[in-house]
Amino acid sequence: MWSHFERKRQLGKTNKIHFKLNNGWFAVAASIAALVACLIIFQNQNKVHKNLIVNNLEHLDEGLVEYQASLVSSMDSYASTIKSLDVRFEEFPEISESLDQVERLAKSYQIDLKQYGPDPKIIKAILKCAKQKVELYEMLLYQIEIKKYHEKKNEKFKV
């Protein structure tokens, strides 16, 4: 009879230990779920350049990951600067058209990437599109500076 109670007491102890382990795993699972949710939100915020981002580059070359990260950082920086300047793209039709062409080209390369897998030529082409977009942003900012300079110069001579 005492062995029956002893066995129940032992089961109670193991259940408590099991419950404590479950609480620890629950905390880990909740943390992972929160991290995944944050990553999804971050990716959705960066949809501006989604066609110019190649996932899983670390399997091919670690240098490509760093290069892509620097390009995305530059694109984000330039895009926010251009947005803060309230640029009207119709004032710069050549650059606007070139940006649209680069975006269309990057979309087609993303389709090819999904269809053919991680082909180095396709990945290189997508990264080249990202580099071209950065250069076009730089060119746009330079054109904006030139325009502002000429406006200031014209204001001086009007007086």
Protein backbone atom coordinates (compact mmCIF):
# COMPACT_ATOMS: atom_id res chain seq x y z
CA MET A 1 0.00 0.00 0.00
CA TRP A 2 2.77 2.46 0.85
CA SER A 3 4.47 1.59 -2.40
CA HIS A 4 1.38 2.79 -4.27
CA PHE A 5 1.55 6.19 -2.49
CA GLU A 6 5.30 6.32 -3.00
CA ARG A 7 4.83 5.71 -6.71
CA LYS A 8 2.18 8.48 -6.95
CA ARG A 9 4.48 10.85 -5.10
CA GLN A 10 7.29 10.04 -7.55
CA LEU A 11 4.96 10.57 -10.51
CA GLY A 12 3.92 13.91 -9.05
CA LYS A 13 7.56 14.99 -8.86
CA THR A 14 8.28 13.96 -12.44
CA ASN A 15 5.13 15.72 -13.65
CA LYS A 16 6.31 18.91 -11.96
CA ILE A 17 9.70 18.58 -13.58
CA HIS A 18 8.03 17.88 -16.90
CA PHE A 19 5.79 20.92 -16.39
CA LYS A 20 8.82 23.10 -15.66
CA LEU A 21 10.51 21.88 -18.83
CA ASN A 22 7.37 22.62 -20.81
CA ASN A 23 7.32 26.17 -19.45
CA GLY A 24 10.93 26.64 -20.57
CA TRP A 25 10.18 25.30 -24.04
CA PHE A 26 7.10 27.47 -24.20
CA ALA A 27 9.20 30.56 -23.50
CA VAL A 28 11.70 29.55 -26.19
CA ALA A 29 8.91 28.87 -28.68
CA ALA A 30 7.27 32.22 -27.87
CA SER A 31 10.59 34.00 -28.35
CA ILE A 32 11.16 32.33 -31.69
CA ALA A 33 7.63 33.20 -32.81
CA ALA A 34 8.18 36.83 -31.84
CA LEU A 35 11.48 36.90 -33.72
CA VAL A 36 9.89 35.43 -36.84
CA ALA A 37 7.06 37.99 -36.63
CA CYS A 38 9.61 40.82 -36.38
CA LEU A 39 11.51 39.49 -39.39
CA ILE A 40 8.33 39.26 -41.45
CA ILE A 41 7.41 42.84 -40.55
CA PHE A 42 10.92 44.02 -41.43
CA GLN A 43 10.81 42.25 -44.79
CA ASN A 44 7.41 43.75 -45.59
CA GLN A 45 8.77 47.23 -44.87
CA ASN A 46 11.58 46.69 -47.36
CA LYS A 47 9.33 45.70 -50.27
CA VAL A 48 10.63 48.72 -52.16
CA HIS A 49 13.72 46.76 -53.13
CA LYS A 50 12.30 43.23 -52.95
CA ASN A 51 13.13 42.46 -56.59
CA LEU A 52 16.75 43.37 -55.99
CA ILE A 53 17.29 41.02 -53.04
CA VAL A 54 18.49 37.44 -53.45
CA ASN A 55 17.90 35.11 -50.50
CA ASN A 56 20.30 32.39 -49.35
CA LEU A 57 23.43 33.94 -50.85
CA GLU A 58 25.51 32.69 -47.94
CA HIS A 59 25.46 29.24 -49.54
CA LEU A 60 27.22 30.62 -52.61
CA ASP A 61 29.60 33.26 -51.33
CA GLU A 62 29.81 35.20 -48.07
CA GLY A 63 31.16 38.22 -49.96
CA LEU A 64 27.97 38.42 -51.99
CA VAL A 65 25.93 38.66 -48.79
CA GLU A 66 27.96 41.66 -47.64
CA TYR A 67 27.86 43.25 -51.09
CA GLN A 68 24.08 42.84 -51.30
CA ALA A 69 23.67 44.24 -47.79
CA SER A 70 25.71 47.33 -48.70
CA LEU A 71 23.66 47.85 -51.87
CA VAL A 72 20.36 47.52 -50.00
CA SER A 73 21.62 49.91 -47.33
CA SER A 74 22.61 52.44 -49.99
CA MET A 75 19.28 52.08 -51.79
CA ASP A 76 17.36 52.58 -48.54
CA SER A 77 19.45 55.62 -47.64
CA TYR A 78 19.07 57.25 -51.04
CA ALA A 79 15.36 56.41 -51.22
CA SER A 80 14.69 58.04 -47.86
CA THR A 81 16.73 61.10 -48.86
CA ILE A 82 14.83 61.42 -52.13
CA LYS A 83 11.53 60.95 -50.33
CA SER A 84 12.42 63.67 -47.82
CA LEU A 85 13.17 66.06 -50.68
CA ASP A 86 9.69 65.54 -52.17
CA VAL A 87 11.13 64.90 -55.60
CA ARG A 88 8.72 65.02 -58.52
CA PHE A 89 9.99 62.35 -60.86
CA GLU A 90 8.29 63.91 -63.87
CA GLU A 91 10.94 66.66 -63.66
CA PHE A 92 13.59 64.00 -64.34
CA PRO A 93 12.01 61.78 -67.02
CA GLU A 94 15.21 60.05 -68.18
CA ILE A 95 16.17 58.93 -64.69
CA SER A 96 12.60 57.96 -63.87
CA GLU A 97 12.36 55.83 -67.00
CA SER A 98 15.72 54.22 -66.27
CA LEU A 99 14.61 53.36 -62.72
CA ASP A 100 11.45 51.75 -64.13
CA GLN A 101 13.50 49.74 -66.63
CA VAL A 102 15.85 48.50 -63.92
CA GLU A 103 12.88 47.49 -61.77
CA ARG A 104 11.23 45.61 -64.67
CA LEU A 105 14.50 43.87 -65.47
CA ALA A 106 14.99 42.87 -61.83
CA LYS A 107 11.45 41.43 -61.75
CA SER A 108 12.19 39.30 -64.80
CA TYR A 109 15.44 38.08 -63.23
CA GLN A 110 13.55 37.16 -60.05
CA ILE A 111 11.17 35.06 -62.16
CA ASP A 112 14.18 33.39 -63.81
CA LEU A 113 15.72 32.79 -60.39
CA LYS A 114 12.57 31.02 -59.21
CA GLN A 115 12.39 29.00 -62.41
CA TYR A 116 16.06 27.99 -62.79
CA GLY A 117 17.29 28.11 -59.21
CA PRO A 118 20.38 29.89 -57.87
CA ASP A 119 22.26 30.31 -61.14
CA PRO A 120 25.33 32.55 -60.56
CA LYS A 121 24.65 34.48 -63.79
CA ILE A 122 21.12 35.37 -62.68
CA ILE A 123 22.31 36.35 -59.21
CA LYS A 124 25.03 38.53 -60.73
CA ALA A 125 22.45 40.18 -62.98
CA ILE A 126 20.15 40.95 -60.04
CA LEU A 127 23.02 42.44 -58.06
CA LYS A 128 24.02 44.46 -61.12
CA CYS A 129 20.46 45.82 -61.28
CA ALA A 130 20.74 46.82 -57.62
CA LYS A 131 24.04 48.58 -58.35
CA GLN A 132 22.46 50.39 -61.30
CA LYS A 133 19.58 51.52 -59.10
CA VAL A 134 22.06 52.94 -56.57
CA GLU A 135 23.87 54.77 -59.38
CA LEU A 136 20.58 56.14 -60.72
CA TYR A 137 19.67 57.40 -57.25
CA GLU A 138 23.07 59.10 -57.03
CA MET A 139 22.53 60.63 -60.44
CA LEU A 140 19.08 61.86 -59.42
CA LEU A 141 20.45 63.49 -56.27
CA TYR A 142 23.18 65.14 -58.34
CA GLN A 143 20.59 66.47 -60.81
CA ILE A 144 18.55 67.82 -57.89
CA GLU A 145 21.64 69.66 -56.59
CA ILE A 146 22.30 71.13 -60.03
CA LYS A 147 18.69 72.27 -60.32
CA LYS A 148 18.80 73.93 -56.89
CA TYR A 149 22.08 75.62 -57.74
CA HIS A 150 20.65 77.07 -60.95
CA GLU A 151 17.51 78.23 -59.14
CA LYS A 152 19.61 80.05 -56.54
CA LYS A 153 21.82 81.52 -59.25
CA ASN A 154 18.78 82.78 -61.18
CA GLU A 155 17.32 84.32 -58.01
CA LYS A 156 20.56 86.27 -57.42
CA PHE A 157 20.54 87.80 -60.87
CA LYS A 158 16.85 88.70 -60.78
CA VAL A 159 17.42 91.17 -57.97
